C-alpha atoms as a PDB file:
ATOM      1  CA  MET A   1     118.970 113.436 114.494  1.00  0.00           C
ATOM      2  CA  HIS A   2     118.890 112.501 110.605  1.00  0.00           C
ATOM      3  CA  ARG A   3     118.023 109.270 109.575  1.00  0.00           C
ATOM      4  CA  LYS A   4     120.752 106.933 107.782  1.00  0.00           C
ATOM      5  CA  CYS A   5     120.099 106.664 103.950  1.00  0.00           C
ATOM      6  CA  TYR A   6     122.885 105.080 102.185  1.00  0.00           C
ATOM      7  CA  THR A   7     122.415 101.442 102.545  1.00  0.00           C
ATOM      8  CA  VAL A   8     120.166 100.404  99.937  1.00  0.00           C
ATOM      9  CA  THR A   9     120.555  96.554  99.746  1.00  0.00           C
ATOM     10  CA  GLU A  10     117.527  95.369 101.454  1.00  0.00           C
ATOM     11  CA  MET A  11     115.608  98.453 100.995  1.00  0.00           C
ATOM     12  CA  THR A  12     112.453  98.963  98.610  1.00  0.00           C
ATOM     13  CA  LEU A  13     112.373 101.849  96.638  1.00  0.00           C
ATOM     14  CA  ARG A  14     109.419 103.350  98.676  1.00  0.00           C
ATOM     15  CA  GLU A  15     111.680 102.833 101.821  1.00  0.00           C
ATOM     16  CA  TYR A  16     114.896 104.464 100.179  1.00  0.00           C
ATOM     17  CA  ILE A  17     113.404 107.735  99.305  1.00  0.00           C
ATOM     18  CA  GLU A  18     110.920 107.955 102.466  1.00  0.00           C
ATOM     19  CA  ASN A  19     114.067 107.638 104.512  1.00  0.00           C
ATOM     20  CA  TYR A  20     116.344 109.864 102.718  1.00  0.00           C
ATOM     21  CA  ALA A  21     116.825 112.837 105.226  1.00  0.00           C
ATOM     22  CA  PRO A  22     120.591 114.218 105.130  1.00  0.00           C
ATOM     23  CA  ARG A  23     121.121 117.643 106.835  1.00  0.00           C
ATOM     24  CA  TYR A  24     121.957 119.150 103.813  1.00  0.00           C
ATOM     25  CA  ARG A  25     121.321 118.331 100.173  1.00  0.00           C
ATOM     26  CA  GLY A  26     124.198 119.760  98.236  1.00  0.00           C
ATOM     27  CA  HIS A  27     122.632 118.243  94.921  1.00  0.00           C
ATOM     28  CA  THR A  28     119.375 118.453  92.623  1.00  0.00           C
ATOM     29  CA  PRO A  29     116.677 118.985  92.606  1.00  0.00           C
ATOM     30  CA  GLY A  30     117.164 122.972  93.504  1.00  0.00           C
ATOM     31  CA  HIS A  31     114.081 122.773  95.919  1.00  0.00           C
ATOM     32  CA  LYS A  32     116.359 120.632  98.224  1.00  0.00           C
ATOM     33  CA  GLY A  33     113.316 118.868  99.409  1.00  0.00           C
ATOM     34  CA  SER A  34     111.106 121.691 100.231  1.00  0.00           C
ATOM     35  CA  VAL A  35     108.507 120.684  97.584  1.00  0.00           C
ATOM     36  CA  ASP A  36     108.572 116.923  98.514  1.00  0.00           C
ATOM     37  CA  SER A  37     111.388 115.659 100.654  1.00  0.00           C
ATOM     38  CA  ARG A  38     111.117 112.493  98.679  1.00  0.00           C
ATOM     39  CA  ASP A  39     112.068 113.925  95.415  1.00  0.00           C
ATOM     40  CA  ILE A  40     115.557 112.860  94.611  1.00  0.00           C
ATOM     41  CA  THR A  41     117.844 111.701  91.911  1.00  0.00           C
ATOM     42  CA  GLU A  42     121.510 110.222  92.128  1.00  0.00           C
ATOM     43  CA  ILE A  43     123.394 110.460  95.533  1.00  0.00           C
ATOM     44  CA  LEU A  44     127.249 110.025  94.978  1.00  0.00           C
ATOM     45  CA  ASP A  45     127.912 106.456  94.496  1.00  0.00           C
ATOM     46  CA  VAL A  46     124.208 105.056  95.271  1.00  0.00           C
ATOM     47  CA  PHE A  47     122.053 105.460  92.207  1.00  0.00           C
ATOM     48  CA  PRO A  48     118.553 103.352  93.284  1.00  0.00           C
ATOM     49  CA  SER A  49     118.256 101.913  89.551  1.00  0.00           C
ATOM     50  CA  ASP A  50     119.070  98.284  91.197  1.00  0.00           C
ATOM     51  CA  LEU A  51     115.899  99.115  93.518  1.00  0.00           C
ATOM     52  CA  VAL A  52     113.830  99.789  90.502  1.00  0.00           C
ATOM     53  CA  GLU A  53     115.163  96.764  88.474  1.00  0.00           C
ATOM     54  CA  ARG A  54     114.276  94.798  91.490  1.00  0.00           C
ATOM     55  CA  ALA A  55     110.822  96.128  91.533  1.00  0.00           C
ATOM     56  CA  GLU A  56     110.569  95.305  87.775  1.00  0.00           C
ATOM     57  CA  ARG A  57     111.426  92.023  88.606  1.00  0.00           C
ATOM     58  CA  ARG A  58     108.628  91.482  90.793  1.00  0.00           C
ATOM     59  CA  ALA A  59     106.095  92.992  88.537  1.00  0.00           C
ATOM     60  CA  ALA A  60     107.246  90.543  85.743  1.00  0.00           C
ATOM     61  CA  ALA A  61     106.782  87.773  88.395  1.00  0.00           C
ATOM     62  CA  LEU A  62     103.128  89.052  89.093  1.00  0.00           C
ATOM     63  CA  TYR A  63     102.476  88.813  85.395  1.00  0.00           C
ATOM     64  CA  GLY A  64     104.095  85.834  84.610  1.00  0.00           C
ATOM     65  CA  ALA A  65     106.051  88.000  82.027  1.00  0.00           C
ATOM     66  CA  ARG A  66     109.756  87.567  80.734  1.00  0.00           C
ATOM     67  CA  ALA A  67     110.427  91.354  81.702  1.00  0.00           C
ATOM     68  CA  VAL A  68     108.549  94.560  82.689  1.00  0.00           C
ATOM     69  CA  ARG A  69     109.921  97.966  82.516  1.00  0.00           C
ATOM     70  CA  PHE A  70     108.640 100.813  84.431  1.00  0.00           C
ATOM     71  CA  LEU A  71     107.560 103.976  82.362  1.00  0.00           C
ATOM     72  CA  VAL A  72     107.226 107.500  83.736  1.00  0.00           C
ATOM     73  CA  GLY A  73     105.754 108.441  80.685  1.00  0.00           C
ATOM     74  CA  GLY A  74     102.689 106.723  80.457  1.00  0.00           C
ATOM     75  CA  SER A  75     101.653 104.205  78.243  1.00  0.00           C
ATOM     76  CA  SER A  76     102.476 106.528  75.120  1.00  0.00           C
ATOM     77  CA  ALA A  77     105.818 106.098  75.840  1.00  0.00           C
ATOM     78  CA  GLY A  78     105.696 102.413  75.759  1.00  0.00           C
ATOM     79  CA  LEU A  79     103.591 102.348  72.512  1.00  0.00           C
ATOM     80  CA  LYS A  80     106.222 104.658  70.626  1.00  0.00           C
ATOM     81  CA  ALA A  81     109.189 102.870  71.879  1.00  0.00           C
ATOM     82  CA  ALA A  82     107.691  99.440  71.087  1.00  0.00           C
ATOM     83  CA  VAL A  83     106.924 100.731  67.612  1.00  0.00           C
ATOM     84  CA  LEU A  84     109.867 102.441  66.908  1.00  0.00           C
ATOM     85  CA  ALA A  85     111.968  99.076  67.973  1.00  0.00           C
ATOM     86  CA  CYS A  86     109.883  96.454  66.374  1.00  0.00           C
ATOM     87  CA  ALA A  87     108.517  98.025  62.972  1.00  0.00           C
ATOM     88  CA  LYS A  88     110.489  97.888  59.895  1.00  0.00           C
ATOM     89  CA  ARG A  89     108.262  98.204  56.745  1.00  0.00           C
ATOM     90  CA  GLY A  90     105.168  99.727  58.136  1.00  0.00           C
ATOM     91  CA  ILE A  91     102.194  99.386  61.032  1.00  0.00           C
ATOM     92  CA  VAL A  92      98.712  98.124  60.818  1.00  0.00           C
ATOM     93  CA  THR A  93      96.528  99.665  63.575  1.00  0.00           C
ATOM     94  CA  ASP A  94      92.860  99.662  64.538  1.00  0.00           C
ATOM     95  CA  SER A  95      90.599 102.751  63.196  1.00  0.00           C
ATOM     96  CA  TYR A  96      90.204 103.719  66.728  1.00  0.00           C
ATOM     97  CA  ALA A  97      93.825 103.729  67.857  1.00  0.00           C
ATOM     98  CA  HIS A  98      95.373 105.901  70.300  1.00  0.00           C
ATOM     99  CA  VAL A  99      97.382 108.832  69.087  1.00  0.00           C
ATOM    100  CA  ALA A 100     100.582 107.566  70.277  1.00  0.00           C
ATOM    101  CA  VAL A 101     100.521 104.906  67.756  1.00  0.00           C
ATOM    102  CA  GLU A 102     100.666 107.903  64.998  1.00  0.00           C
ATOM    103  CA  GLY A 103     103.474 109.147  67.102  1.00  0.00           C
ATOM    104  CA  GLY A 104     105.313 105.987  67.038  1.00  0.00           C
ATOM    105  CA  ALA A 105     105.114 105.558  63.394  1.00  0.00           C
ATOM    106  CA  ALA A 106     106.212 109.280  62.821  1.00  0.00           C
ATOM    107  CA  LEU A 107     109.322 108.746  64.903  1.00  0.00           C
ATOM    108  CA  ALA A 108     110.072 105.309  62.968  1.00  0.00           C
ATOM    109  CA  LYS A 109     109.264 107.111  59.577  1.00  0.00           C
ATOM    110  CA  LEU A 110     107.188 104.379  58.616  1.00  0.00           C
ATOM    111  CA  PRO A 111     103.530 104.451  57.170  1.00  0.00           C
ATOM    112  CA  LEU A 112     100.954 103.603  59.428  1.00  0.00           C
ATOM    113  CA  TYR A 113      97.526 101.958  57.877  1.00  0.00           C
ATOM    114  CA  LYS A 114      94.381 102.307  59.789  1.00  0.00           C
ATOM    115  CA  LEU A 115      91.723  99.629  59.399  1.00  0.00           C
ATOM    116  CA  GLY A 116      88.475 100.966  58.027  1.00  0.00           C
ATOM    117  CA  GLU A 117      85.942 102.149  60.564  1.00  0.00           C
ATOM    118  CA  SER A 118      82.426 100.608  60.909  1.00  0.00           C
ATOM    119  CA  ILE A 119      79.849 101.447  63.428  1.00  0.00           C
ATOM    120  CA  GLY A 120      78.271  98.712  65.293  1.00  0.00           C
ATOM    121  CA  ALA A 121      74.635  98.478  66.920  1.00  0.00           C
ATOM    122  CA  ASP A 122      75.982  99.611  70.214  1.00  0.00           C
ATOM    123  CA  GLY A 123      76.982 102.739  68.341  1.00  0.00           C
ATOM    124  CA  LEU A 124      80.678 102.101  68.781  1.00  0.00           C
ATOM    125  CA  PRO A 125      83.261 101.214  66.072  1.00  0.00           C
ATOM    126  CA  THR A 126      83.704  97.475  65.535  1.00  0.00           C
ATOM    127  CA  LEU A 127      86.541  96.125  67.179  1.00  0.00           C
ATOM    128  CA  THR A 128      89.333  94.779  65.091  1.00  0.00           C
ATOM    129  CA  ASP A 129      89.361  91.250  63.881  1.00  0.00           C
ATOM    130  CA  ALA A 130      91.986  88.677  62.501  1.00  0.00           C
ATOM    131  CA  GLU A 131      90.679  88.771  59.181  1.00  0.00           C
ATOM    132  CA  SER A 132      91.024  92.580  58.834  1.00  0.00           C
ATOM    133  CA  VAL A 133      94.504  92.802  60.224  1.00  0.00           C
ATOM    134  CA  ALA A 134      95.763  89.477  57.771  1.00  0.00           C
ATOM    135  CA  LYS A 135      94.248  91.330  54.773  1.00  0.00           C
ATOM    136  CA  ALA A 136      95.856  94.758  55.726  1.00  0.00           C
ATOM    137  CA  MET A 137      99.436  93.510  56.062  1.00  0.00           C
ATOM    138  CA  ASP A 138      99.114  91.589  52.847  1.00  0.00           C
ATOM    139  CA  GLU A 139      98.234  94.319  50.899  1.00  0.00           C
ATOM    140  CA  THR A 140     100.523  96.893  52.570  1.00  0.00           C
ATOM    141  CA  ARG A 141     103.186  94.792  53.552  1.00  0.00           C
ATOM    142  CA  ALA A 142     103.281  96.045  56.838  1.00  0.00           C
ATOM    143  CA  ASP A 143     105.221  93.971  59.494  1.00  0.00           C
ATOM    144  CA  CYS A 144     103.999  95.405  62.483  1.00  0.00           C
ATOM    145  CA  ALA A 145     100.243  95.473  64.031  1.00  0.00           C
ATOM    146  CA  VAL A 146      99.252  97.455  66.989  1.00  0.00           C
ATOM    147  CA  VAL A 147      95.866  96.584  68.608  1.00  0.00           C
ATOM    148  CA  GLN A 148      94.110  98.205  71.524  1.00  0.00           C
ATOM    149  CA  TYR A 149      93.006  95.398  74.030  1.00  0.00           C
ATOM    150  CA  PRO A 150      90.571  96.368  75.764  1.00  0.00           C
ATOM    151  CA  ASP A 151      89.363  99.465  74.314  1.00  0.00           C
ATOM    152  CA  TYR A 152      87.980 102.428  76.559  1.00  0.00           C
ATOM    153  CA  TYR A 153      84.598 100.865  76.779  1.00  0.00           C
ATOM    154  CA  GLY A 154      85.970  97.461  78.367  1.00  0.00           C
ATOM    155  CA  ARG A 155      85.620  95.497  74.950  1.00  0.00           C
ATOM    156  CA  VAL A 156      88.120  93.250  73.685  1.00  0.00           C
ATOM    157  CA  PRO A 157      89.095  91.777  70.431  1.00  0.00           C
ATOM    158  CA  GLU A 158      89.991  88.086  69.877  1.00  0.00           C
ATOM    159  CA  LEU A 159      93.645  88.713  70.501  1.00  0.00           C
ATOM    160  CA  ALA A 160      94.825  85.247  70.178  1.00  0.00           C
ATOM    161  CA  ALA A 161      93.354  84.948  66.561  1.00  0.00           C
ATOM    162  CA  ILE A 162      95.178  88.410  65.842  1.00  0.00           C
ATOM    163  CA  TYR A 163      98.384  87.108  67.334  1.00  0.00           C
ATOM    164  CA  GLU A 164      98.329  83.873  64.829  1.00  0.00           C
ATOM    165  CA  VAL A 165      97.927  86.080  61.651  1.00  0.00           C
ATOM    166  CA  VAL A 166     100.473  88.483  62.498  1.00  0.00           C
ATOM    167  CA  LYS A 167     103.031  85.710  63.280  1.00  0.00           C
ATOM    168  CA  ASP A 168     101.993  83.909  60.075  1.00  0.00           C
ATOM    169  CA  ARG A 169     103.142  86.866  58.186  1.00  0.00           C
ATOM    170  CA  GLY A 170     106.383  87.006  60.279  1.00  0.00           C
ATOM    171  CA  GLY A 171     105.314  89.872  61.979  1.00  0.00           C
ATOM    172  CA  THR A 172     105.495  91.693  65.468  1.00  0.00           C
ATOM    173  CA  LEU A 173     101.984  92.165  67.670  1.00  0.00           C
ATOM    174  CA  ILE A 174     102.146  95.278  69.913  1.00  0.00           C
ATOM    175  CA  CYS A 175      99.048  95.285  72.288  1.00  0.00           C
ATOM    176  CA  ASP A 176      98.016  98.746  73.427  1.00  0.00           C
ATOM    177  CA  SER A 177      96.523  97.392  76.719  1.00  0.00           C
ATOM    178  CA  ALA A 178      96.487 100.785  78.421  1.00  0.00           C
ATOM    179  CA  HIS A 179      93.281  99.882  80.226  1.00  0.00           C
ATOM    180  CA  GLY A 180      94.093  96.152  80.822  1.00  0.00           C
ATOM    181  CA  ALA A 181      96.668  96.284  83.540  1.00  0.00           C
ATOM    182  CA  HIS A 182      94.450  94.619  86.225  1.00  0.00           C
ATOM    183  CA  PHE A 183      93.446  91.743  83.799  1.00  0.00           C
ATOM    184  CA  ALA A 184      96.076  89.331  85.304  1.00  0.00           C
ATOM    185  CA  LEU A 185      95.552  89.903  88.780  1.00  0.00           C
ATOM    186  CA  ARG A 186      92.360  87.722  88.218  1.00  0.00           C
ATOM    187  CA  PRO A 187      92.479  85.575  85.196  1.00  0.00           C
ATOM    188  CA  ASP A 188      89.347  83.843  86.524  1.00  0.00           C
ATOM    189  CA  LEU A 189      87.241  87.000  86.423  1.00  0.00           C
ATOM    190  CA  PHE A 190      88.719  89.062  83.521  1.00  0.00           C
ATOM    191  CA  PRO A 191      89.671  88.173  79.983  1.00  0.00           C
ATOM    192  CA  GLN A 192      93.215  86.855  79.234  1.00  0.00           C
ATOM    193  CA  SER A 193      96.307  89.275  80.095  1.00  0.00           C
ATOM    194  CA  ALA A 194      97.453  90.820  76.682  1.00  0.00           C
ATOM    195  CA  HIS A 195     101.109  90.032  77.473  1.00  0.00           C
ATOM    196  CA  LEU A 196     100.003  86.142  76.672  1.00  0.00           C
ATOM    197  CA  TYR A 197      99.236  87.014  73.036  1.00  0.00           C
ATOM    198  CA  SER A 198     101.253  89.675  71.944  1.00  0.00           C
ATOM    199  CA  ASP A 199     105.035  90.334  71.599  1.00  0.00           C
ATOM    200  CA  LEU A 200     105.076  93.630  73.580  1.00  0.00           C
ATOM    201  CA  CYS A 201     102.089  95.465  75.420  1.00  0.00           C
ATOM    202  CA  ASN A 202     101.932  98.431  77.588  1.00  0.00           C
ATOM    203  CA  MET A 203      99.835  98.652  80.549  1.00  0.00           C
ATOM    204  CA  SER A 204      98.491 101.948  82.255  1.00  0.00           C
ATOM    205  CA  ALA A 205      98.802 101.118  86.198  1.00  0.00           C
ATOM    206  CA  HIS A 206      97.768 104.458  86.915  1.00  0.00           C
ATOM    207  CA  LYS A 207      94.610 103.819  84.843  1.00  0.00           C
ATOM    208  CA  THR A 208      93.169 100.847  86.671  1.00  0.00           C
ATOM    209  CA  LEU A 209      95.438  99.977  89.371  1.00  0.00           C
ATOM    210  CA  GLY A 210      97.354 101.943  92.358  1.00  0.00           C
ATOM    211  CA  SER A 211     100.137 104.024  91.043  1.00  0.00           C
ATOM    212  CA  MET A 212     100.388 107.487  90.108  1.00  0.00           C
ATOM    213  CA  THR A 213      99.012 109.539  86.983  1.00  0.00           C
ATOM    214  CA  GLN A 214     101.848 109.086  84.170  1.00  0.00           C
ATOM    215  CA  THR A 215     102.841 105.848  85.243  1.00  0.00           C
ATOM    216  CA  ALA A 216     102.877 102.377  83.004  1.00  0.00           C
ATOM    217  CA  PHE A 217     104.130  99.027  82.486  1.00  0.00           C
ATOM    218  CA  LEU A 218     105.873  97.772  79.149  1.00  0.00           C
ATOM    219  CA  VAL A 219     105.485  93.978  79.404  1.00  0.00           C
ATOM    220  CA  PHE A 220     107.525  91.532  77.244  1.00  0.00           C
ATOM    221  CA  GLY A 221     105.184  88.986  76.220  1.00  0.00           C
ATOM    222  CA  ARG A 222     106.259  86.380  73.391  1.00  0.00           C
ATOM    223  CA  GLY A 223     108.598  88.723  71.387  1.00  0.00           C
ATOM    224  CA  GLY A 224     110.486  91.872  71.631  1.00  0.00           C
ATOM    225  CA  ASP A 225     114.247  92.443  72.091  1.00  0.00           C
ATOM    226  CA  GLU A 226     114.857  93.643  75.549  1.00  0.00           C
ATOM    227  CA  LYS A 227     118.063  95.408  74.705  1.00  0.00           C
ATOM    228  CA  ILE A 228     116.562  96.912  71.209  1.00  0.00           C
ATOM    229  CA  VAL A 229     113.457  98.036  73.281  1.00  0.00           C
ATOM    230  CA  GLY A 230     115.672  99.606  76.067  1.00  0.00           C
ATOM    231  CA  ARG A 231     117.559 101.392  73.638  1.00  0.00           C
ATOM    232  CA  ALA A 232     114.105 102.897  72.241  1.00  0.00           C
ATOM    233  CA  LEU A 233     112.685 103.708  75.877  1.00  0.00           C
ATOM    234  CA  GLU A 234     116.345 105.558  76.604  1.00  0.00           C
ATOM    235  CA  ALA A 235     115.933 107.703  73.548  1.00  0.00           C
ATOM    236  CA  LEU A 236     112.330 108.512  74.248  1.00  0.00           C
ATOM    237  CA  GLY A 237     112.706 108.881  77.871  1.00  0.00           C
ATOM    238  CA  THR A 238     114.668 110.780  80.518  1.00  0.00           C
ATOM    239  CA  THR A 239     117.937 110.237  82.765  1.00  0.00           C
ATOM    240  CA  SER A 240     116.211 112.247  85.563  1.00  0.00           C
ATOM    241  CA  PRO A 241     112.901 109.916  86.177  1.00  0.00           C
ATOM    242  CA  ASN A 242     110.738 111.021  89.064  1.00  0.00           C
ATOM    243  CA  TYR A 243     111.606 108.298  91.845  1.00  0.00           C
ATOM    244  CA  ILE A 244     108.064 109.268  93.397  1.00  0.00           C
ATOM    245  CA  LEU A 245     106.561 107.757  90.319  1.00  0.00           C
ATOM    246  CA  LEU A 246     108.532 104.839  89.988  1.00  0.00           C
ATOM    247  CA  ALA A 247     107.974 103.982  93.700  1.00  0.00           C
ATOM    248  CA  SER A 248     103.988 104.144  93.068  1.00  0.00           C
ATOM    249  CA  LEU A 249     104.565 101.967  90.209  1.00  0.00           C
ATOM    250  CA  GLU A 250     106.488  99.416  93.090  1.00  0.00           C
ATOM    251  CA  LYS A 251     104.029 100.250  95.440  1.00  0.00           C
ATOM    252  CA  CYS A 252     100.972  98.991  93.101  1.00  0.00           C
ATOM    253  CA  VAL A 253     102.800  95.662  92.329  1.00  0.00           C
ATOM    254  CA  ASP A 254     103.360  94.888  96.104  1.00  0.00           C
ATOM    255  CA  ASP A 255      99.694  95.862  96.490  1.00  0.00           C
ATOM    256  CA  ALA A 256      98.497  93.158  94.367  1.00  0.00           C
ATOM    257  CA  LYS A 257      97.988  90.261  96.745  1.00  0.00           C
ATOM    258  CA  ARG A 258      96.076  92.632  99.076  1.00  0.00           C
ATOM    259  CA  ILE A 259      93.545  94.164  96.240  1.00  0.00           C
ATOM    260  CA  LYS A 260      92.958  90.618  94.150  1.00  0.00           C
ATOM    261  CA  PRO A 261      90.193  89.570  96.529  1.00  0.00           C
ATOM    262  CA  LEU A 262      88.443  92.674  96.546  1.00  0.00           C
ATOM    263  CA  TYR A 263      87.438  92.310  93.003  1.00  0.00           C
ATOM    264  CA  ASP A 264      84.888  89.756  93.948  1.00  0.00           C
ATOM    265  CA  GLY A 265      83.043  92.649  95.849  1.00  0.00           C
ATOM    266  CA  LEU A 266      83.358  94.881  92.793  1.00  0.00           C
ATOM    267  CA  ARG A 267      81.916  92.119  90.397  1.00  0.00           C
ATOM    268  CA  VAL A 268      78.812  91.944  92.771  1.00  0.00           C
ATOM    269  CA  PHE A 269      78.270  95.784  92.709  1.00  0.00           C
ATOM    270  CA  SER A 270      78.748  96.139  88.949  1.00  0.00           C
ATOM    271  CA  GLU A 271      76.304  93.042  88.290  1.00  0.00           C
ATOM    272  CA  ARG A 272      73.797  94.657  90.635  1.00  0.00           C
ATOM    273  CA  MET A 273      74.207  98.031  88.647  1.00  0.00           C
ATOM    274  CA  ARG A 274      73.886  96.129  85.117  1.00  0.00           C
ATOM    275  CA  ASN A 275      70.914  94.346  86.318  1.00  0.00           C
ATOM    276  CA  LYS A 276      69.156  97.428  87.035  1.00  0.00           C
ATOM    277  CA  PHE A 277      70.224 100.115  84.331  1.00  0.00           C
ATOM    278  CA  PRO A 278      70.720 100.191  80.661  1.00  0.00           C
ATOM    279  CA  HIS A 279      74.445  99.391  79.826  1.00  0.00           C
ATOM    280  CA  LEU A 280      76.919  98.454  77.333  1.00  0.00           C
ATOM    281  CA  GLU A 281      77.472  94.915  77.306  1.00  0.00           C
ATOM    282  CA  ASN A 282      81.516  94.163  77.805  1.00  0.00           C
ATOM    283  CA  ALA A 283      84.064  91.768  78.681  1.00  0.00           C
ATOM    284  CA  ASP A 284      85.315  93.852  81.618  1.00  0.00           C
ATOM    285  CA  PHE A 285      82.885  94.418  84.653  1.00  0.00           C
ATOM    286  CA  THR A 286      84.929  96.781  86.027  1.00  0.00           C
ATOM    287  CA  ARG A 287      84.289  98.957  83.218  1.00  0.00           C
ATOM    288  CA  LEU A 288      80.721 100.148  83.437  1.00  0.00           C
ATOM    289  CA  ALA A 289      79.415 102.113  80.381  1.00  0.00           C
ATOM    290  CA  LEU A 290      75.740 103.251  81.196  1.00  0.00           C
ATOM    291  CA  ASP A 291      73.508 103.808  78.495  1.00  0.00           C
ATOM    292  CA  PHE A 292      71.714 107.068  78.163  1.00  0.00           C
ATOM    293  CA  GLY A 293      70.246 106.998  74.736  1.00  0.00           C
ATOM    294  CA  ASP A 294      71.275 110.277  73.058  1.00  0.00           C
ATOM    295  CA  LYS A 295      72.117 112.016  76.388  1.00  0.00           C
ATOM    296  CA  GLY A 296      75.320 110.489  77.468  1.00  0.00           C
ATOM    297  CA  ARG A 297      76.645 114.329  77.912  1.00  0.00           C
ATOM    298  CA  GLN A 298      73.800 115.420  79.857  1.00  0.00           C
ATOM    299  CA  ALA A 299      74.219 112.304  82.035  1.00  0.00           C
ATOM    300  CA  ALA A 300      78.068 112.871  82.614  1.00  0.00           C
ATOM    301  CA  TYR A 301      77.188 116.853  83.630  1.00  0.00           C
ATOM    302  CA  ALA A 302      74.293 115.311  85.943  1.00  0.00           C
ATOM    303  CA  TYR A 303      76.255 113.168  87.744  1.00  0.00           C
ATOM    304  CA  LEU A 304      78.779 115.943  88.341  1.00  0.00           C
ATOM    305  CA  ASP A 305      76.328 118.327  89.993  1.00  0.00           C
ATOM    306  CA  LYS A 306      75.712 115.435  92.628  1.00  0.00           C
ATOM    307  CA  GLY A 307      79.539 115.074  93.255  1.00  0.00           C
ATOM    308  CA  ILE A 308      80.131 111.971  91.031  1.00  0.00           C
ATOM    309  CA  ALA A 309      82.769 112.294  88.261  1.00  0.00           C
ATOM    310  CA  ALA A 310      82.770 109.833  85.322  1.00  0.00           C
ATOM    311  CA  GLU A 311      85.795 108.765  83.368  1.00  0.00           C
ATOM    312  CA  LYS A 312      84.413 109.944  80.114  1.00  0.00           C
ATOM    313  CA  TYR A 313      81.370 110.240  77.983  1.00  0.00           C
ATOM    314  CA  ASP A 314      80.070 110.138  74.359  1.00  0.00           C
ATOM    315  CA  GLU A 315      76.597 111.025  72.941  1.00  0.00           C
ATOM    316  CA  ARG A 316      75.413 107.627  74.482  1.00  0.00           C
ATOM    317  CA  TYR A 317      77.368 106.468  77.276  1.00  0.00           C
ATOM    318  CA  ALA A 318      78.508 107.863  80.705  1.00  0.00           C
ATOM    319  CA  VAL A 319      81.915 105.617  81.478  1.00  0.00           C
ATOM    320  CA  PHE A 320      82.905 104.769  84.907  1.00  0.00           C
ATOM    321  CA  ILE A 321      85.935 102.577  86.390  1.00  0.00           C
ATOM    322  CA  LEU A 322      85.521 100.523  89.134  1.00  0.00           C
ATOM    323  CA  THR A 323      88.713  99.541  91.193  1.00  0.00           C
ATOM    324  CA  PRO A 324      89.707  98.108  94.566  1.00  0.00           C
ATOM    325  CA  TYR A 325      90.580 101.532  95.820  1.00  0.00           C
ATOM    326  CA  ASP A 326      86.711 102.405  95.551  1.00  0.00           C
ATOM    327  CA  GLY A 327      85.489 102.801  99.082  1.00  0.00           C
ATOM    328  CA  ALA A 328      82.184 101.495  99.873  1.00  0.00           C
ATOM    329  CA  ASP A 329      80.844 105.112 100.699  1.00  0.00           C
ATOM    330  CA  GLY A 330      81.772 105.968  97.125  1.00  0.00           C
ATOM    331  CA  LEU A 331      80.146 103.235  95.543  1.00  0.00           C
ATOM    332  CA  ASP A 332      76.884 103.620  97.390  1.00  0.00           C
ATOM    333  CA  ALA A 333      76.976 107.406  96.385  1.00  0.00           C
ATOM    334  CA  PHE A 334      77.576 106.491  92.646  1.00  0.00           C
ATOM    335  CA  ALA A 335      74.720 103.877  93.063  1.00  0.00           C
ATOM    336  CA  ALA A 336      72.354 106.589  94.350  1.00  0.00           C
ATOM    337  CA  ALA A 337      73.332 109.101  91.955  1.00  0.00           C
ATOM    338  CA  THR A 338      72.509 106.836  88.975  1.00  0.00           C
ATOM    339  CA  GLU A 339      69.070 106.162  90.340  1.00  0.00           C
ATOM    340  CA  GLU A 340      68.603 109.824  90.289  1.00  0.00           C
ATOM    341  CA  VAL A 341      70.165 110.746  86.825  1.00  0.00           C
ATOM    342  CA  TYR A 342      68.061 108.167  85.008  1.00  0.00           C
ATOM    343  CA  ARG A 343      64.931 109.407  86.622  1.00  0.00           C
ATOM    344  CA  GLU A 344      65.851 113.153  85.949  1.00  0.00           C
ATOM    345  CA  LEU A 345      66.734 112.531  82.397  1.00  0.00           C
ATOM    346  CA  ARG A 346      63.713 110.167  82.056  1.00  0.00           C
ATOM    347  CA  VAL A 347      65.812 107.359  80.670  1.00  0.00           C
ATOM    348  CA  LYS A 348      64.199 103.740  80.808  1.00  0.00           C
END
């Protein structure tokens, strides 16, 4: 007995791919469902793009944005498409910008101007500020700025001020908010979501929310032409997106109501860790950058020996990401391992 799979009007994308089960698949992909039964593409006259569009509208409502596009090429695809669609003369960006910004500039065949780097007392590059962006745009005549918010360490620049100076110069502000997809879920706990003070911003749903790796949102904030940006996404993307990845984006949007209250417990855990161990002061309590002096790498590997994996490390910090999908057992193990690592490395 095979399940019916052709009426999609009331289905979610997840329901569609999970209930698709004909007796014979005379279509791509070549594995015919043997690798994963949910891995399908277009079926006769039924192409589940309308299901994706409905899910994207729910995402836009969640963020209070004009529009959201689902990406299966990660935030990198969104950044490149935004630059390609919006920049005309040149791009100003952070000294610590993601490599995708360089890729976008290369595709657009436009000059990329990186701001000068200075290192602060915390050992990290100082955050981009409005004055530096304004000066660089004036000197280079660049009409586009790309700013990271937050950075990999949970620090945020003054985005509203940066947006103001960019708009004063008739420019476009693209925000690389790959690590800030969760901000909009709890504005009472987190900095403002990046789309509120940018024209376009990318958000890696897989980094801090519950979707699969390689998935992200491109969020339309205060500007950005949907048709032009859409054409850039089509030029850089694929006509055969993986619907399992798209369905995972849908799920993380639909999961938002359930996970929102869980941030309160994460904040309590984060504050307990911060009160006990040396750490980097930042704006995002879910980004825990523990300070090990000059033993950041040693610490990350010491954690790994205890079955605890860090997001990243540098010479000074071991960085961990807390999300509502963390279980109590995992957090307890992380806290216990932290006690041991600090003691073993004799870091005070």
